[in-house]
């Protein structure tokens, strides 16, 4: 058979088409499944609602607790992650440079000295400090200190726990501050920051060493972290001392906070 130019063009395009249509034995890697977060989605930047506009007392209380509890729970989850990391490092014979760096950062945050390295005493002190705060206690203190989110410091500075700061301009000047005093009531960008600061304060400040000792005792005896029991370690949180503790215990009981809110 004699092939002319038209035949050659036909055969060329036929071969080219066949090449494209022939399946190639190339394995395309399947995308790896992404881990699904089990943490609830919480808006950490949400503004403090206007609780002063809620006239019904029961509705105001419920709205306050419902707004605050997810933020308290989320803050506790972050602390728990750090605690689990510390426990994991305690069980290791040798730490990597990255692990040492992270552990050192946590020690600095919780004001735990590392002069003797990561020894038994170091881990004991870390686990005493890096621990959660019962939601019932965090909710009761926020309600008490901020008048259910309606105080001037809550509205203007997102400060629900009455925390002070001591650098000029760091917060809001109290209207009844003594002439020789220099403290201000701390301002926060959002309510979540106030919660974080409150928890860190309880976990590392010398004033609350008794609180941490009570909590450690509960941990060592495998007992639940009772908010009522832990209030006994907060005598120095307020100048009202025992009266303040009695108020917190009453709020926890009347509002059934331990039954309604857990980690």
Foldseek 3Di string as FASTA:
>chain_A
DDDDPVNVVVVVVVVVVVVVPDDDPDDDDDDDDDDDDPQDDDDQQDADDQLVVDPDPVVLLVVLLVNCQSLLVVLQVVLVVVLVLLVVVVPDPDDDPVSQVVVVVLCVLQVQDQPVHCDPVSSVLSNLQSHGDWSLLLSLQLCVQCVSQNRPCCNVAVASRQDKDQDPPQGAQDPPDDPPDRIHRHHDSHNSVNSNVVSSCCRHPPLQPQLSVQQVVCVVVVHDPDSLSSLLSCQPSDPVRPVVSVSSNVSCVVVVSVVVGGD
